[in-house]
């Protein structure tokens, strides 16, 4: 049974279903939202609105956002908003009294959508691959759960200070962006996605926010490896790559030296190209002239010369 009215004071609200307790408040997604089929029963716009209301709700599930603000934040038209809102009400997932929203406890079973309007966008969001492993529908909602858990931890440990609130706002908008674009898991945390998100939404420092989220999840065993957020480095030309592999496999050089060799070889290749110097004509004077372009200490220059030795 759904609520017939809403009130800021939960004691005065005629709510007939209360959500299970959560130590960090109401902003969380129950496990059976996925396992019992509620996620697959939603259209993309319904999922987008539902996730947004979960993110912005207080510990009683209450939130107040006008339709124009919601449409602006979610980048949807009024008609789509009304259809999504009414769909969630009809599916008994939220209550709305014309002013306040409340996310309700999940009903006993989901209200299924007609097969003709099943959304491929939801499947694209919740089924993804990480490396060679196909991740299940259940794991597809981990992004939502992870962000809610992390933002709850931020609120708990930092209160209402400026930095955590900024992190929460960026993560909320990033979640909305990911759902809007229907990105797979392996597409969410790439340099290309982050760059596009920053450009479109006008944020700065998104990579730092996602790095903090990655560190939090890694420290709690939620993910096996950090998010690959760095800009991918183009591969070196074959001869340079062979030299790097020679150091790694034949000479057994340290990982730190291998990394430094790559750092030096990339601009070295650009220097030779710029000055029209063929590798077959390379001599020690060319190397010294290249090293002189670095504005570093003599010790660092000596290390760079060591990287080129034997090349």
Protein backbone atom coordinates (compact mmCIF):
# COMPACT_ATOMS: atom_id res chain seq x y z
CA UNK A 1 0.00 0.00 0.00
CA UNK A 2 1.37 3.41 -0.93
CA UNK A 3 1.40 6.55 1.14
CA UNK A 4 -1.53 8.87 0.63
CA UNK A 5 0.26 12.01 1.82
CA UNK A 6 3.67 13.16 2.89
CA UNK A 7 4.89 15.27 5.76
CA UNK A 8 8.34 16.46 6.74
CA UNK A 9 7.78 14.99 10.20
CA UNK A 10 7.87 11.21 9.71
CA UNK A 11 5.94 10.71 12.98
CA UNK A 12 2.98 12.56 11.50
CA UNK A 13 3.21 10.88 8.09
CA UNK A 14 0.64 8.21 7.31
CA UNK A 15 3.34 5.94 5.88
CA UNK A 16 2.25 2.33 5.86
CA UNK A 17 5.58 0.85 4.77
CA UNK A 18 8.88 1.77 6.39
CA UNK A 19 12.20 0.88 4.90
CA UNK A 20 14.68 -1.37 6.64
CA UNK A 21 17.11 0.36 9.00
CA UNK A 22 20.42 1.54 7.71
CA UNK A 23 23.10 3.02 10.02
CA UNK A 24 23.90 5.79 7.54
CA UNK A 25 20.34 6.85 6.82
CA UNK A 26 17.94 6.20 4.01
CA UNK A 27 20.11 6.73 0.94
CA UNK A 28 20.86 3.16 -0.01
CA UNK A 29 19.60 0.55 -2.46
CA UNK A 30 18.32 -2.74 -0.99
CA UNK A 31 20.02 -5.86 -2.30
CA UNK A 32 16.76 -7.26 -3.61
CA UNK A 33 16.25 -4.21 -5.84
CA UNK A 34 18.42 -6.17 -8.25
CA UNK A 35 17.90 -9.79 -7.23
CA UNK A 36 14.08 -9.58 -7.21
CA UNK A 37 13.84 -7.88 -10.61
CA UNK A 38 12.96 -4.29 -9.66
CA UNK A 39 15.88 -2.88 -11.66
CA UNK A 40 14.96 -4.71 -14.86
CA UNK A 41 11.33 -3.59 -14.48
CA UNK A 42 12.25 0.09 -14.87
CA UNK A 43 12.70 2.10 -18.03
CA UNK A 44 15.89 4.13 -18.34
CA UNK A 45 14.11 7.38 -17.41
CA UNK A 46 12.44 5.71 -14.41
CA UNK A 47 15.79 4.33 -13.27
CA UNK A 48 17.39 7.74 -13.71
CA UNK A 49 14.73 9.49 -11.62
CA UNK A 50 14.63 6.74 -8.99
CA UNK A 51 18.39 6.76 -8.53
CA UNK A 52 18.37 10.56 -8.30
CA UNK A 53 15.66 10.53 -5.60
CA UNK A 54 17.58 7.90 -3.63
CA UNK A 55 20.76 9.99 -3.84
CA UNK A 56 19.16 13.25 -2.67
CA UNK A 57 16.77 11.88 -0.04
CA UNK A 58 17.23 12.40 3.68
CA UNK A 59 17.27 9.61 6.25
CA UNK A 60 13.49 9.28 5.98
CA UNK A 61 13.59 9.04 2.18
CA UNK A 62 12.17 12.54 1.77
CA UNK A 63 13.30 15.12 -0.76
CA UNK A 64 12.00 18.27 -2.39
CA UNK A 65 12.97 19.23 -5.90
CA UNK A 66 10.75 21.11 -8.33
CA UNK A 67 10.07 19.52 -11.72
CA UNK A 68 12.10 22.17 -13.57
CA UNK A 69 15.16 21.56 -11.37
CA UNK A 70 14.88 17.81 -11.83
CA UNK A 71 14.48 18.16 -15.59
CA UNK A 72 17.53 20.43 -15.72
CA UNK A 73 19.72 18.16 -13.57
CA UNK A 74 18.69 14.98 -15.36
CA UNK A 75 18.53 16.65 -18.79
CA UNK A 76 15.11 15.26 -19.59
CA UNK A 77 11.98 16.97 -20.93
CA UNK A 78 8.87 17.56 -18.82
CA UNK A 79 6.93 14.79 -20.59
CA UNK A 80 9.67 12.25 -19.83
CA UNK A 81 9.79 13.45 -16.21
CA UNK A 82 6.02 13.05 -15.78
CA UNK A 83 6.05 9.58 -17.34
CA UNK A 84 8.98 8.48 -15.16
CA UNK A 85 7.46 9.96 -11.99
CA UNK A 86 4.05 8.39 -12.63
CA UNK A 87 5.71 5.11 -13.56
CA UNK A 88 7.56 4.98 -10.23
CA UNK A 89 4.36 5.86 -8.35
CA UNK A 90 2.42 3.14 -10.17
CA UNK A 91 5.20 0.67 -9.43
CA UNK A 92 4.85 1.58 -5.73
CA UNK A 93 8.47 2.73 -5.44
CA UNK A 94 7.88 6.38 -4.53
CA UNK A 95 5.15 8.61 -3.11
CA UNK A 96 4.54 12.19 -4.22
CA UNK A 97 2.06 14.71 -2.81
CA UNK A 98 2.69 17.45 -5.39
CA UNK A 99 5.49 18.96 -3.31
CA UNK A 100 7.51 16.25 -1.57
CA UNK A 101 8.89 12.97 -2.83
CA UNK A 102 9.49 9.94 -0.67
CA UNK A 103 11.32 6.79 -1.68
CA UNK A 104 9.33 3.89 -0.24
CA UNK A 105 10.32 0.47 0.95
CA UNK A 106 10.24 -2.01 -1.91
CA UNK A 107 6.92 -3.78 -2.37
CA UNK A 108 6.72 -7.56 -2.19
CA UNK A 109 7.31 -7.96 -5.91
CA UNK A 110 8.00 -5.61 -8.86
CA UNK A 111 5.36 -4.41 -11.28
CA UNK A 112 6.59 -5.64 -14.65
CA UNK A 113 6.57 -3.45 -17.75
CA UNK A 114 5.09 -4.69 -21.01
CA UNK A 115 7.70 -6.52 -23.09
CA UNK A 116 7.20 -4.02 -25.94
CA UNK A 117 8.67 -1.18 -23.89
CA UNK A 118 11.54 -2.97 -22.21
CA UNK A 119 14.56 -0.67 -22.34
CA UNK A 120 17.88 -1.79 -23.74
CA UNK A 121 19.46 1.11 -21.85
CA UNK A 122 19.03 -0.64 -18.51
CA UNK A 123 20.63 -3.82 -19.78
CA UNK A 124 23.53 -1.80 -21.20
CA UNK A 125 24.04 -0.20 -17.79
CA UNK A 126 23.83 -3.24 -15.56
CA UNK A 127 25.56 -5.87 -17.69
CA UNK A 128 29.20 -5.11 -18.35
CA UNK A 129 32.60 -6.71 -18.54
CA UNK A 130 35.70 -6.12 -16.46
CA UNK A 131 38.70 -7.59 -18.22
CA UNK A 132 37.59 -11.02 -19.44
CA UNK A 133 34.96 -11.52 -16.76
CA UNK A 134 31.31 -10.90 -17.59
CA UNK A 135 29.74 -9.13 -14.66
CA UNK A 136 26.19 -10.09 -13.71
CA UNK A 137 23.09 -7.95 -13.39
CA UNK A 138 23.63 -7.89 -9.63
CA UNK A 139 27.12 -6.43 -10.05
CA UNK A 140 25.82 -3.79 -12.45
CA UNK A 141 24.25 -1.87 -9.59
CA UNK A 142 27.52 -1.76 -7.63
CA UNK A 143 28.24 1.71 -8.99
CA UNK A 144 25.05 3.00 -7.39
CA UNK A 145 25.65 1.14 -4.13
CA UNK A 146 29.31 2.18 -4.04
CA UNK A 147 28.58 5.87 -4.49
CA UNK A 148 25.79 5.81 -1.90
CA UNK A 149 28.03 4.00 0.59
CA UNK A 150 30.93 6.36 -0.05
CA UNK A 151 28.84 9.53 0.15
CA UNK A 152 27.27 8.22 3.37
CA UNK A 153 30.77 7.74 4.76
CA UNK A 154 31.75 11.26 3.68
CA UNK A 155 28.75 12.75 5.46
CA UNK A 156 29.46 10.66 8.53
CA UNK A 157 33.15 11.53 8.82
CA UNK A 158 33.27 15.08 7.44
CA UNK A 159 29.84 16.50 8.22
CA UNK A 160 28.78 19.44 6.08
CA UNK A 161 32.21 20.83 5.27
CA UNK A 162 32.69 22.19 1.75
CA UNK A 163 34.97 19.53 0.23
CA UNK A 164 32.77 16.46 0.95
CA UNK A 165 29.66 18.27 -0.27
CA UNK A 166 31.44 19.07 -3.53
CA UNK A 167 32.49 15.42 -3.87
CA UNK A 168 28.92 14.29 -3.27
CA UNK A 169 27.56 16.71 -5.87
CA UNK A 170 30.10 15.59 -8.50
CA UNK A 171 29.47 11.89 -7.82
CA UNK A 172 25.70 12.41 -7.98
CA UNK A 173 25.98 14.15 -11.34
CA UNK A 174 28.49 11.58 -12.60
CA UNK A 175 26.05 8.79 -11.74
CA UNK A 176 23.30 10.57 -13.65
CA UNK A 177 25.65 11.13 -16.59
CA UNK A 178 26.64 7.45 -16.71
CA UNK A 179 23.01 6.32 -16.71
CA UNK A 180 22.06 8.88 -19.37
CA UNK A 181 24.84 7.69 -21.66
CA UNK A 182 24.14 4.00 -21.02
CA UNK A 183 27.84 3.35 -20.44
CA UNK A 184 29.22 -0.11 -19.72
CA UNK A 185 31.37 -0.59 -16.64
CA UNK A 186 34.59 -0.61 -18.63
CA UNK A 187 33.58 2.68 -20.24
CA UNK A 188 32.67 4.55 -17.06
CA UNK A 189 36.10 5.18 -15.56
CA UNK A 190 38.17 6.09 -18.60
CA UNK A 191 40.01 9.27 -19.45
CA UNK A 192 37.65 9.82 -22.37
CA UNK A 193 34.50 9.57 -20.22
CA UNK A 194 35.89 11.78 -17.46
CA UNK A 195 37.07 14.39 -19.95
CA UNK A 196 33.67 14.42 -21.68
CA UNK A 197 31.85 14.66 -18.33
CA UNK A 198 34.01 17.58 -17.18
CA UNK A 199 33.51 19.40 -20.47
CA UNK A 200 29.74 18.86 -20.54
CA UNK A 201 29.05 19.62 -16.89
CA UNK A 202 31.74 22.26 -16.30
CA UNK A 203 33.43 20.53 -13.37
CA UNK A 204 37.10 20.53 -12.47
CA UNK A 205 38.95 17.95 -10.44
CA UNK A 206 36.64 15.05 -11.31
CA UNK A 207 39.57 12.65 -11.60
CA UNK A 208 40.58 13.43 -8.02
CA UNK A 209 37.04 12.77 -6.78
CA UNK A 210 36.85 9.43 -8.60
CA UNK A 211 40.33 8.52 -7.37
CA UNK A 212 39.13 9.07 -3.80
CA UNK A 213 36.10 6.86 -4.50
CA UNK A 214 38.41 4.22 -6.01
CA UNK A 215 40.70 4.31 -2.96
CA UNK A 216 37.71 3.97 -0.63
CA UNK A 217 36.33 0.95 -2.50
CA UNK A 218 39.76 -0.63 -2.80
CA UNK A 219 40.44 -0.26 0.93
CA UNK A 220 37.18 -2.08 1.70
CA UNK A 221 37.70 -4.87 -0.79
CA UNK A 222 34.83 -3.75 -3.04
CA UNK A 223 37.02 -3.67 -6.16
CA UNK A 224 40.10 -5.72 -7.04
CA UNK A 225 42.09 -2.91 -8.65
CA UNK A 226 41.94 0.89 -8.86
CA UNK A 227 39.87 2.57 -11.54
CA UNK A 228 41.97 3.14 -14.71
CA UNK A 229 41.55 6.91 -14.68
CA UNK A 230 44.81 8.05 -16.25
CA UNK A 231 45.16 9.13 -19.85
CA UNK A 232 46.34 6.11 -21.86
CA UNK A 233 49.91 6.44 -23.07
CA UNK A 234 50.52 5.67 -26.75
CA UNK A 235 52.78 2.71 -27.37
CA UNK A 236 56.42 3.37 -28.17
CA UNK A 237 57.77 2.61 -31.62
CA UNK A 238 58.95 -0.99 -31.96
CA UNK A 239 62.65 -0.32 -31.55
CA UNK A 240 62.10 1.66 -28.35
CA UNK A 241 59.67 -0.92 -26.98
CA UNK A 242 62.21 -3.67 -27.72
CA UNK A 243 64.87 -1.73 -25.80
CA UNK A 244 62.53 -1.37 -22.84
CA UNK A 245 61.72 -5.11 -22.93
CA UNK A 246 65.43 -5.87 -23.21
CA UNK A 247 66.00 -4.04 -19.93
CA UNK A 248 63.01 -5.73 -18.31
CA UNK A 249 63.56 -9.34 -19.37
CA UNK A 250 67.23 -9.69 -20.25
CA UNK A 251 68.92 -7.29 -17.84
CA UNK A 252 66.30 -7.65 -15.10
CA UNK A 253 66.18 -3.90 -14.50
CA UNK A 254 63.95 -2.61 -11.72
CA UNK A 255 60.37 -1.44 -12.45
CA UNK A 256 61.43 2.09 -11.45
CA UNK A 257 64.20 2.10 -14.07
CA UNK A 258 61.85 0.65 -16.72
CA UNK A 259 59.39 3.46 -16.04
CA UNK A 260 62.15 6.06 -16.25
CA UNK A 261 63.40 4.61 -19.54
CA UNK A 262 59.91 5.00 -21.03
CA UNK A 263 59.80 8.58 -19.71
CA UNK A 264 63.07 9.39 -21.48
CA UNK A 265 62.52 7.47 -24.72
CA UNK A 266 59.27 9.21 -25.60
CA UNK A 267 60.72 12.77 -25.79
CA UNK A 268 63.95 11.32 -27.24
CA UNK A 269 61.99 9.93 -30.18
CA UNK A 270 60.23 13.31 -30.63
CA UNK A 271 63.63 15.07 -30.55
CA UNK A 272 65.08 12.81 -33.27
CA UNK A 273 61.97 13.26 -35.42
CA UNK A 274 62.04 17.05 -35.03
CA UNK A 275 65.72 17.29 -35.98
CA UNK A 276 65.60 14.75 -38.79
CA UNK A 277 68.09 12.40 -37.14
CA UNK A 278 67.87 8.80 -38.32
CA UNK A 279 68.49 6.05 -35.78
CA UNK A 280 71.18 4.61 -38.05
CA UNK A 281 73.10 7.91 -37.80
CA UNK A 282 72.70 8.29 -34.03
CA UNK A 283 75.84 9.08 -32.02
CA UNK A 284 76.75 10.16 -28.49
CA UNK A 285 76.73 13.85 -29.44
CA UNK A 286 73.09 13.59 -30.43
CA UNK A 287 72.30 12.06 -27.05
CA UNK A 288 74.14 14.81 -25.19
CA UNK A 289 72.39 17.50 -27.25
CA UNK A 290 69.04 15.90 -26.41
CA UNK A 291 69.84 15.70 -22.69
CA UNK A 292 70.86 19.35 -22.66
CA UNK A 293 67.24 20.28 -23.46
CA UNK A 294 66.13 19.05 -20.01
CA UNK A 295 66.14 21.72 -17.34
CA UNK A 296 67.05 19.36 -14.52
CA UNK A 297 69.88 18.88 -12.06
CA UNK A 298 73.13 17.26 -13.09
CA UNK A 299 72.18 14.17 -11.08
CA UNK A 300 68.89 13.79 -12.97
CA UNK A 301 70.65 14.32 -16.28
CA UNK A 302 73.09 11.59 -15.30
CA UNK A 303 70.16 9.25 -14.62
CA UNK A 304 68.63 10.07 -18.02
CA UNK A 305 71.98 9.37 -19.72
CA UNK A 306 72.03 5.99 -17.97
CA UNK A 307 68.59 5.24 -19.44
CA UNK A 308 69.92 5.83 -22.97
CA UNK A 309 73.13 3.89 -22.43
CA UNK A 310 73.22 0.85 -24.66
CA UNK A 311 70.41 2.10 -26.89
